[in-house]
Amino acid sequence: MKRDTLIALWVVVIGICALACGARGALSVEEQVKMLAARYGQVEDQLPRSIRYTSKDESSGVTTVRQAWFNGADDLIKLAVESSDGVKRELTEYFALDFENDYDGMFMLMRKETPAPDGGVQVEESRKYFGEGKEGGNGLLIRELRKSAHFKPGESNDTVRTPNVVVDLGKKSHQPTEDELREMLNAPTNMAEALRKGASESDPFADIKGDSDKYRVIHGSASPDGRFAIALGFAREPVDWDADYEKETESYYAEGDEGIRNYVVDLAQRKILGETGAAWPGTRRRYNHPECVLTWSPDSSFFVQLLANKWASDDCVAGKIVSGPRFVGSANLLKVLSPKTYAFVKKRFDREEGGSLSFYVQKVTNDGAVELRAAEYTSSGERKGETNFAVSVRLRLRETPKGLSLEGVNMRRLPNER
């Protein structure tokens, strides 16, 4: 499905995105803004080791430079447009948690510099945050901050000390129309696609082959520092990727294929470090209801790979990477926590079926602590969609001589929600 169609049908998307939001837990506006601010810092740190495409145009005395950065997983991580006529300067930058699903969270910075009568510079800035609204709905403008500052001749025009003014988004005049919203969300990927029709200006991965014939990276799975990702592979070798790739969507989908593997890969060396133990069958993050959600620790050492679905999670595994880099191993959270959760709520656990829990990973820390929510829903009948039970789970991942283990599992019953 094309992006214009996807965003135009935002009412349908809300239902699908509710699953994605659930996969990371319902987030407040403050939490979403913090996530986007953290993403901004992560992206800025990895730009020097990213693939960059650049174009430069001149028209009516105005020079416009467009730049797009992609990480080693081939994901767009930043787009910037800068225009200048030698006197005035305008800059627009875009960042997202995942540009393929930018309605989940996108940040847009706009800065204008104009000459002041005293020879100084007048600076106007706007920071727009897009995400899930307080009353539901994704891809909405959830916060806007503005700065206005005058700098005297010779002064640094850095606005770091200039206070933000919070825009009252309750006023209809401050909210973008549906067409304006669609244009803002579409702009970075449309421009990036156009830039990629030309040659890259820099590509640190161009001469590195490694194990790249054996895998294809799952989009949206890269670690915060851009060094690692989760990839699709197969037990059979060699794999004819060109024959099986979907050319229109540039994705690979192998549901029902035998020997599916998910690998942890070192993007810098394009090297397979090990298997996660899960079997996500495609290179896209989402295929309607099924979704592959990666939650990393801030330092990119721990991760949880969740295979979410409409009524129950298909799998949930955790892993750890140490210096070298070396993959310590993985642990299956779904298999370990399912019987423990049913025992905690005093419900029967069907060992043949494995239960029907939906996991929502909320946090993974640098010391291996994991916070998640486990819930069971009614999938049919009069109570369809209702929560049977929900449990808050905290645990710690620890490296042992035999691999990765789960320790200190604590559970707390949560009130049922529809």
Protein backbone atom coordinates (compact mmCIF):
# COMPACT_ATOMS: atom_id res chain seq x y z
CA MET A 1 0.00 0.00 0.00
CA LYS A 2 1.35 3.42 -0.93
CA ARG A 3 2.08 5.93 1.82
CA ASP A 4 -0.48 8.51 0.58
CA THR A 5 -3.21 5.90 0.72
CA LEU A 6 -2.04 4.66 4.11
CA ILE A 7 -2.16 8.06 5.75
CA ALA A 8 -5.38 9.10 3.98
CA LEU A 9 -7.08 6.07 5.51
CA TRP A 10 -6.01 7.15 8.96
CA VAL A 11 -9.20 5.94 10.62
CA VAL A 12 -8.35 2.38 9.59
CA VAL A 13 -4.73 2.87 10.59
CA ILE A 14 -5.74 3.90 14.11
CA GLY A 15 -7.04 0.41 14.76
CA ILE A 16 -3.85 -1.22 13.51
CA CYS A 17 -1.63 1.28 15.30
CA ALA A 18 -3.42 0.63 18.56
CA LEU A 19 -1.72 -2.76 18.47
CA ALA A 20 1.67 -1.15 17.92
CA CYS A 21 1.05 1.29 20.76
CA GLY A 22 0.03 -1.63 22.90
CA ALA A 23 3.25 -3.38 21.97
CA ARG A 24 5.15 -0.62 23.71
CA GLY A 25 2.41 0.28 26.22
CA ALA A 26 0.09 3.29 26.16
CA LEU A 27 2.24 6.41 26.31
CA SER A 28 1.42 9.88 27.54
CA VAL A 29 2.24 12.94 25.44
CA GLU A 30 5.17 13.67 27.78
CA GLU A 31 6.58 10.17 27.30
CA GLN A 32 6.22 10.40 23.53
CA VAL A 33 8.00 13.76 23.45
CA LYS A 34 10.85 12.32 25.56
CA MET A 35 11.16 9.35 23.20
CA LEU A 36 11.40 11.64 20.18
CA ALA A 37 13.94 13.88 21.95
CA ALA A 38 16.03 10.80 22.76
CA ARG A 39 15.74 9.62 19.15
CA TYR A 40 17.02 13.01 17.97
CA GLY A 41 20.20 12.55 20.02
CA GLN A 42 20.68 8.95 18.90
CA VAL A 43 20.39 9.89 15.23
CA GLU A 44 22.73 12.87 15.47
CA ASP A 45 25.39 10.61 17.01
CA GLN A 46 25.29 8.08 14.15
CA LEU A 47 25.13 10.48 11.19
CA PRO A 48 28.93 10.34 10.56
CA ARG A 49 28.69 6.57 10.01
CA SER A 50 25.50 6.64 7.92
CA ILE A 51 24.78 6.62 4.19
CA ARG A 52 24.12 10.15 2.91
CA TYR A 53 22.40 11.38 -0.25
CA THR A 54 22.58 15.05 -1.22
CA SER A 55 21.13 17.32 -3.90
CA LYS A 56 21.67 21.02 -4.55
CA ASP A 57 19.40 23.27 -6.59
CA GLU A 58 19.51 26.96 -7.42
CA SER A 59 16.49 28.99 -8.50
CA SER A 60 15.83 32.75 -8.49
CA GLY A 61 18.89 33.36 -6.35
CA VAL A 62 17.91 30.77 -3.74
CA THR A 63 20.12 27.74 -3.12
CA THR A 64 18.36 24.68 -1.70
CA VAL A 65 20.27 21.70 -0.30
CA ARG A 66 18.43 18.47 0.52
CA GLN A 67 20.08 15.67 2.47
CA ALA A 68 18.87 12.21 3.53
CA TRP A 69 20.68 9.83 5.89
CA PHE A 70 20.17 6.06 6.02
CA ASN A 71 21.60 3.63 8.56
CA GLY A 72 23.16 0.24 7.85
CA ALA A 73 19.71 -1.35 7.97
CA ASP A 74 18.73 0.84 4.99
CA ASP A 75 16.26 2.80 7.14
CA LEU A 76 15.83 6.53 6.65
CA ILE A 77 16.88 8.20 9.92
CA LYS A 78 16.98 11.91 9.05
CA LEU A 79 16.04 14.29 6.28
CA ALA A 80 17.05 17.96 6.11
CA VAL A 81 16.21 20.80 3.72
CA GLU A 82 18.16 24.07 3.88
CA SER A 83 17.46 27.13 1.72
CA SER A 84 19.45 30.36 1.57
CA ASP A 85 19.59 33.46 -0.62
CA GLY A 86 22.74 34.76 1.04
CA VAL A 87 20.69 36.86 3.47
CA LYS A 88 17.84 34.72 4.73
CA ARG A 89 18.24 31.08 5.77
CA GLU A 90 15.59 28.43 6.40
CA LEU A 91 16.20 24.92 7.74
CA THR A 92 13.74 22.04 8.16
CA GLU A 93 14.77 18.72 9.71
CA TYR A 94 12.75 15.52 10.17
CA PHE A 95 13.36 12.67 12.61
CA ALA A 96 11.10 9.69 13.37
CA LEU A 97 11.03 6.63 15.57
CA ASP A 98 10.44 4.74 12.30
CA PHE A 99 9.85 6.64 9.04
CA GLU A 100 8.01 3.65 7.55
CA ASN A 101 5.48 4.10 10.36
CA ASP A 102 5.95 7.80 11.07
CA TYR A 103 2.44 8.16 12.47
CA ASP A 104 3.84 6.36 15.54
CA GLY A 105 6.16 9.29 16.24
CA MET A 106 7.88 12.01 14.20
CA PHE A 107 9.76 15.19 15.11
CA MET A 108 10.01 18.22 12.81
CA LEU A 109 12.33 21.18 13.44
CA MET A 110 11.92 24.43 11.50
CA ARG A 111 14.34 27.38 11.86
CA LYS A 112 14.31 30.74 10.08
CA GLU A 113 17.08 33.32 10.23
CA THR A 114 16.45 36.83 8.89
CA PRO A 115 18.59 39.97 9.11
CA ALA A 116 17.57 42.51 11.78
CA PRO A 117 17.65 46.33 11.30
CA ASP A 118 20.58 46.65 13.73
CA GLY A 119 22.71 44.26 11.69
CA GLY A 120 21.96 41.32 13.94
CA VAL A 121 19.85 38.24 13.27
CA GLN A 122 16.26 37.39 14.16
CA VAL A 123 15.72 33.66 14.71
CA GLU A 124 12.35 31.89 14.77
CA GLU A 125 12.14 28.18 15.60
CA SER A 126 9.34 25.63 15.75
CA ARG A 127 9.53 22.08 17.08
CA LYS A 128 6.58 19.88 16.16
CA TYR A 129 6.01 16.46 17.73
CA PHE A 130 3.66 13.97 16.07
CA GLY A 131 2.28 10.83 17.69
CA GLU A 132 -0.73 9.44 19.51
CA GLY A 133 -3.25 12.00 20.77
CA LYS A 134 -4.65 12.03 24.30
CA GLU A 135 -8.00 10.82 23.01
CA GLY A 136 -6.62 8.26 20.56
CA GLY A 137 -5.55 8.53 16.95
CA ASN A 138 -2.00 8.39 15.59
CA GLY A 139 -0.04 10.70 13.33
CA LEU A 140 -1.41 13.76 15.13
CA LEU A 141 0.34 16.94 16.19
CA ILE A 142 0.63 16.35 19.94
CA ARG A 143 2.95 19.22 20.91
CA GLU A 144 4.52 22.31 19.37
CA LEU A 145 7.23 24.44 20.95
CA ARG A 146 8.33 27.80 19.57
CA LYS A 147 11.31 30.04 20.17
CA SER A 148 11.93 33.62 19.09
CA ALA A 149 15.22 35.41 19.69
CA HIS A 150 17.14 38.45 18.51
CA PHE A 151 20.92 38.31 18.35
CA LYS A 152 23.13 41.38 18.11
CA PRO A 153 25.91 41.62 15.53
CA GLY A 154 28.72 39.21 16.44
CA GLU A 155 26.62 37.20 18.91
CA SER A 156 26.21 33.46 18.57
CA ASN A 157 22.71 32.72 17.27
CA ASP A 158 22.38 29.49 19.23
CA THR A 159 18.92 29.39 20.85
CA VAL A 160 19.85 26.85 23.54
CA ARG A 161 19.24 29.46 26.28
CA THR A 162 16.07 30.80 24.69
CA PRO A 163 12.96 29.55 26.54
CA ASN A 164 10.33 27.53 24.70
CA VAL A 165 6.77 28.77 24.33
CA VAL A 166 4.21 25.95 24.33
CA VAL A 167 1.62 26.38 21.60
CA ASP A 168 -1.98 25.89 22.71
CA LEU A 169 -3.05 23.04 20.44
CA GLY A 170 -6.55 23.26 21.88
CA LYS A 171 -7.13 26.15 19.49
CA LYS A 172 -8.31 24.94 16.11
CA SER A 173 -6.16 27.56 14.36
CA HIS A 174 -3.04 25.92 15.80
CA GLN A 175 -3.90 22.45 14.49
CA PRO A 176 -2.93 21.49 10.92
CA THR A 177 -5.66 20.43 8.53
CA GLU A 178 -5.80 16.81 7.42
CA ASP A 179 -4.15 17.77 4.11
CA GLU A 180 -1.39 19.74 5.87
CA LEU A 181 -0.81 16.84 8.26
CA ARG A 182 -0.56 14.37 5.41
CA GLU A 183 1.89 16.63 3.57
CA MET A 184 4.15 16.97 6.63
CA LEU A 185 4.16 13.22 7.29
CA ASN A 186 4.77 12.37 3.64
CA ALA A 187 7.43 14.99 2.96
CA PRO A 188 10.57 13.29 4.34
CA THR A 189 10.06 9.89 2.71
CA ASN A 190 8.99 11.41 -0.61
CA MET A 191 12.11 13.59 -0.71
CA ALA A 192 14.34 10.73 0.44
CA GLU A 193 13.01 8.46 -2.32
CA ALA A 194 13.79 11.17 -4.89
CA LEU A 195 17.32 11.63 -3.51
CA ARG A 196 18.02 7.90 -3.66
CA LYS A 197 17.54 7.92 -7.41
CA GLY A 198 21.00 9.45 -7.56
CA ALA A 199 24.31 8.18 -6.23
CA SER A 200 25.11 8.44 -2.54
CA GLU A 201 27.55 11.12 -1.45
CA SER A 202 29.02 8.83 1.21
CA ASP A 203 28.47 5.15 2.02
CA PRO A 204 30.62 3.56 4.76
CA PHE A 205 29.09 0.15 3.98
CA ALA A 206 29.75 0.12 0.23
CA ASP A 207 32.86 -2.07 0.30
CA ILE A 208 31.79 -4.41 3.11
CA LYS A 209 30.17 -7.70 2.15
CA GLY A 210 30.51 -9.92 5.23
CA ASP A 211 27.58 -12.31 5.55
CA SER A 212 25.21 -10.08 3.57
CA ASP A 213 24.30 -12.85 1.10
CA LYS A 214 22.79 -14.84 3.97
CA TYR A 215 20.32 -12.29 5.36
CA ARG A 216 18.11 -9.28 4.76
CA VAL A 217 17.59 -6.78 7.58
CA ILE A 218 14.12 -6.32 9.09
CA HIS A 219 13.29 -2.63 8.70
CA GLY A 220 12.78 -0.74 11.94
CA SER A 221 14.83 -3.25 13.96
CA ALA A 222 18.11 -1.32 14.26
CA SER A 223 19.59 -0.57 17.68
CA PRO A 224 19.57 3.01 19.04
CA ASP A 225 23.22 3.52 18.04
CA GLY A 226 22.63 2.06 14.56
CA ARG A 227 25.27 -0.64 15.00
CA PHE A 228 23.07 -3.75 15.24
CA ALA A 229 19.80 -5.01 13.80
CA ILE A 230 17.65 -8.12 13.49
CA ALA A 231 17.56 -9.85 10.11
CA LEU A 232 15.68 -12.54 8.18
CA GLY A 233 17.58 -15.60 7.03
CA PHE A 234 17.13 -19.29 6.28
CA ALA A 235 18.67 -22.60 7.22
CA ARG A 236 19.12 -23.37 3.52
CA GLU A 237 21.99 -21.85 1.56
CA PRO A 238 22.41 -20.15 -0.76
CA VAL A 239 19.28 -17.93 -0.84
CA ASP A 240 18.16 -16.45 -4.17
CA TRP A 241 17.00 -13.09 -2.80
CA ASP A 242 16.54 -11.51 -6.22
CA ALA A 243 14.10 -14.22 -7.28
CA ASP A 244 11.99 -13.94 -4.14
CA TYR A 245 12.12 -10.21 -3.44
CA GLU A 246 8.94 -8.16 -3.92
CA LYS A 247 10.23 -5.51 -6.30
CA GLU A 248 7.36 -3.04 -5.82
CA THR A 249 7.63 -2.86 -2.04
CA GLU A 250 11.30 -3.84 -1.83
CA SER A 251 10.52 -6.37 0.87
CA TYR A 252 10.83 -10.11 1.35
CA TYR A 253 8.00 -12.16 2.85
CA ALA A 254 8.41 -15.88 3.44
CA GLU A 255 5.47 -17.00 5.58
CA GLY A 256 5.14 -20.77 5.37
CA ASP A 257 8.70 -21.19 4.12
CA GLU A 258 10.82 -23.76 5.92
CA GLY A 259 13.88 -23.02 7.98
CA ILE A 260 13.19 -19.35 8.76
CA ARG A 261 15.81 -17.80 11.02
CA ASN A 262 16.12 -14.39 12.66
CA TYR A 263 19.69 -13.23 13.15
CA VAL A 264 21.40 -10.56 15.21
CA VAL A 265 23.73 -8.78 12.78
CA ASP A 266 26.61 -6.34 13.20
CA LEU A 267 25.73 -3.72 10.58
CA ALA A 268 29.22 -2.18 10.47
CA GLN A 269 30.78 -5.50 9.41
CA ARG A 270 27.61 -7.04 7.96
CA LYS A 271 28.32 -10.04 10.12
CA ILE A 272 25.87 -12.51 11.66
CA LEU A 273 26.43 -12.66 15.42
CA GLY A 274 23.84 -15.31 16.28
CA GLU A 275 20.18 -16.36 16.19
CA THR A 276 17.46 -14.67 18.26
CA GLY A 277 15.32 -17.81 18.41
CA ALA A 278 12.32 -16.09 16.79
CA ALA A 279 11.13 -16.58 13.21
CA TRP A 280 9.68 -13.36 11.80
CA PRO A 281 9.07 -14.20 8.11
CA GLY A 282 9.56 -10.84 6.40
CA THR A 283 11.69 -7.73 6.07
CA ARG A 284 8.90 -5.27 6.81
CA ARG A 285 8.12 -4.40 10.41
CA ARG A 286 4.37 -4.86 9.96
CA TYR A 287 2.05 -6.97 7.81
CA ASN A 288 -1.45 -5.82 8.76
CA HIS A 289 -1.94 -7.23 12.30
CA PRO A 290 1.33 -9.20 12.68
CA GLU A 291 4.19 -6.93 13.71
CA CYS A 292 7.83 -7.35 14.72
CA VAL A 293 8.60 -4.89 17.53
CA LEU A 294 12.15 -4.38 18.79
CA THR A 295 12.74 -2.73 22.15
CA TRP A 296 16.41 -1.98 22.85
CA SER A 297 18.21 -0.78 25.95
CA PRO A 298 19.57 2.77 25.49
CA ASP A 299 23.15 1.46 25.17
CA SER A 300 22.15 -1.14 22.53
CA SER A 301 23.34 -4.09 24.64
CA PHE A 302 19.98 -5.75 25.42
CA PHE A 303 16.94 -6.21 23.20
CA VAL A 304 13.50 -7.79 23.29
CA GLN A 305 12.01 -8.97 19.98
CA LEU A 306 8.24 -9.24 20.18
CA LEU A 307 6.16 -10.86 17.42
CA ALA A 308 2.83 -9.20 18.13
CA ASN A 309 -0.51 -10.17 16.64
CA LYS A 310 -4.17 -9.17 17.02
CA TRP A 311 -5.25 -11.32 19.96
CA ALA A 312 -2.04 -12.93 21.20
CA SER A 313 1.72 -12.61 20.77
CA ASP A 314 3.28 -15.18 18.45
CA ASP A 315 6.68 -15.03 20.18
CA CYS A 316 8.82 -12.92 22.48
CA VAL A 317 12.57 -13.38 22.88
CA ALA A 318 15.35 -11.40 24.53
CA GLY A 319 19.05 -11.17 23.76
CA LYS A 320 22.30 -9.58 24.85
CA ILE A 321 25.30 -8.25 22.92
CA VAL A 322 28.66 -7.60 24.58
CA SER A 323 31.88 -5.99 23.41
CA GLY A 324 33.65 -7.63 20.53
CA PRO A 325 30.87 -7.54 19.45
CA ARG A 326 29.69 -10.94 20.66
CA PHE A 327 26.16 -12.29 21.01
CA VAL A 328 25.72 -13.89 24.44
CA GLY A 329 22.53 -15.69 23.49
CA SER A 330 18.77 -15.42 23.76
CA ALA A 331 15.98 -16.36 26.16
CA ASN A 332 12.36 -17.04 25.23
CA LEU A 333 10.19 -14.81 27.42
CA LEU A 334 6.91 -16.12 26.04
CA LYS A 335 7.67 -19.73 26.91
CA VAL A 336 9.04 -18.93 30.37
CA LEU A 337 6.52 -16.29 31.43
CA SER A 338 3.32 -17.82 30.06
CA PRO A 339 3.00 -20.65 32.63
CA LYS A 340 4.19 -18.31 35.41
CA THR A 341 1.58 -15.71 34.47
CA TYR A 342 -1.30 -18.20 34.38
CA ALA A 343 -0.18 -19.63 37.72
CA PHE A 344 -0.04 -16.12 39.20
CA VAL A 345 -3.63 -15.29 38.17
CA LYS A 346 -4.75 -18.82 39.13
CA LYS A 347 -5.98 -19.69 35.64
CA ARG A 348 -5.59 -22.97 33.77
CA PHE A 349 -2.58 -23.05 31.44
CA ASP A 350 -2.88 -25.19 28.32
CA ARG A 351 0.64 -26.51 27.72
CA GLU A 352 -0.24 -27.81 24.27
CA GLU A 353 -1.63 -24.48 23.12
CA GLY A 354 0.95 -22.50 25.10
CA GLY A 355 -1.61 -20.02 26.36
CA SER A 356 -2.79 -16.94 24.49
CA LEU A 357 -1.02 -13.98 26.04
CA SER A 358 -0.38 -10.61 24.47
CA PHE A 359 2.90 -9.07 25.60
CA TYR A 360 3.56 -5.31 25.59
CA VAL A 361 7.21 -4.45 26.22
CA GLN A 362 7.48 -1.13 28.03
CA LYS A 363 11.14 -0.75 28.94
CA VAL A 364 14.56 -2.42 28.66
CA THR A 365 17.43 -0.93 30.68
CA ASN A 366 21.20 -1.06 30.30
CA ASP A 367 21.50 -3.50 33.21
CA GLY A 368 19.06 -5.99 31.66
CA ALA A 369 15.89 -5.06 33.55
CA VAL A 370 12.74 -5.61 31.50
CA GLU A 371 9.30 -4.19 32.20
CA LEU A 372 6.34 -5.57 30.28
CA ARG A 373 2.62 -6.17 30.45
CA ALA A 374 0.99 -9.56 29.80
CA ALA A 375 -2.73 -9.76 29.05
CA GLU A 376 -5.28 -12.24 27.78
CA TYR A 377 -8.20 -11.12 25.61
CA THR A 378 -11.44 -12.69 24.46
CA SER A 379 -11.19 -13.07 20.70
CA SER A 380 -14.80 -13.94 19.83
CA GLY A 381 -18.36 -14.00 21.09
CA GLU A 382 -20.24 -11.40 23.10
CA ARG A 383 -17.15 -10.49 25.12
CA LYS A 384 -14.92 -10.07 22.07
CA GLY A 385 -12.11 -7.62 22.79
CA GLU A 386 -12.55 -7.66 26.56
CA THR A 387 -9.61 -8.25 28.89
CA ASN A 388 -9.70 -11.51 30.81
CA PHE A 389 -6.72 -10.49 32.93
CA ALA A 390 -3.67 -8.25 32.78
CA VAL A 391 -0.40 -8.52 34.69
CA SER A 392 2.56 -6.17 35.09
CA VAL A 393 5.85 -8.12 34.89
CA ARG A 394 9.36 -7.10 35.89
CA LEU A 395 12.41 -9.29 35.44
CA ARG A 396 16.14 -9.15 34.86
CA LEU A 397 18.21 -10.73 32.11
CA ARG A 398 21.53 -12.11 33.31
CA GLU A 399 24.46 -13.64 31.44
CA THR A 400 25.40 -17.13 32.67
CA PRO A 401 27.89 -19.75 31.44
CA LYS A 402 24.96 -21.41 29.64
CA GLY A 403 23.72 -18.22 28.01
CA LEU A 404 21.01 -15.75 29.01
CA SER A 405 18.68 -16.43 31.94
CA LEU A 406 15.62 -14.75 33.47
CA GLU A 407 15.88 -13.82 37.12
CA GLY A 408 13.92 -11.87 39.72
CA VAL A 409 10.54 -12.24 38.02
CA ASN A 410 7.95 -10.10 39.84
CA MET A 411 4.27 -9.84 38.90
CA ARG A 412 1.42 -7.51 39.83
CA ARG A 413 -2.23 -7.88 38.86
CA LEU A 414 -3.59 -4.96 36.83
CA PRO A 415 -7.24 -3.87 36.54
CA ASN A 416 -9.04 -5.25 33.50
CA GLU A 417 -9.60 -2.95 30.53
CA ARG A 418 -11.76 -3.38 27.48
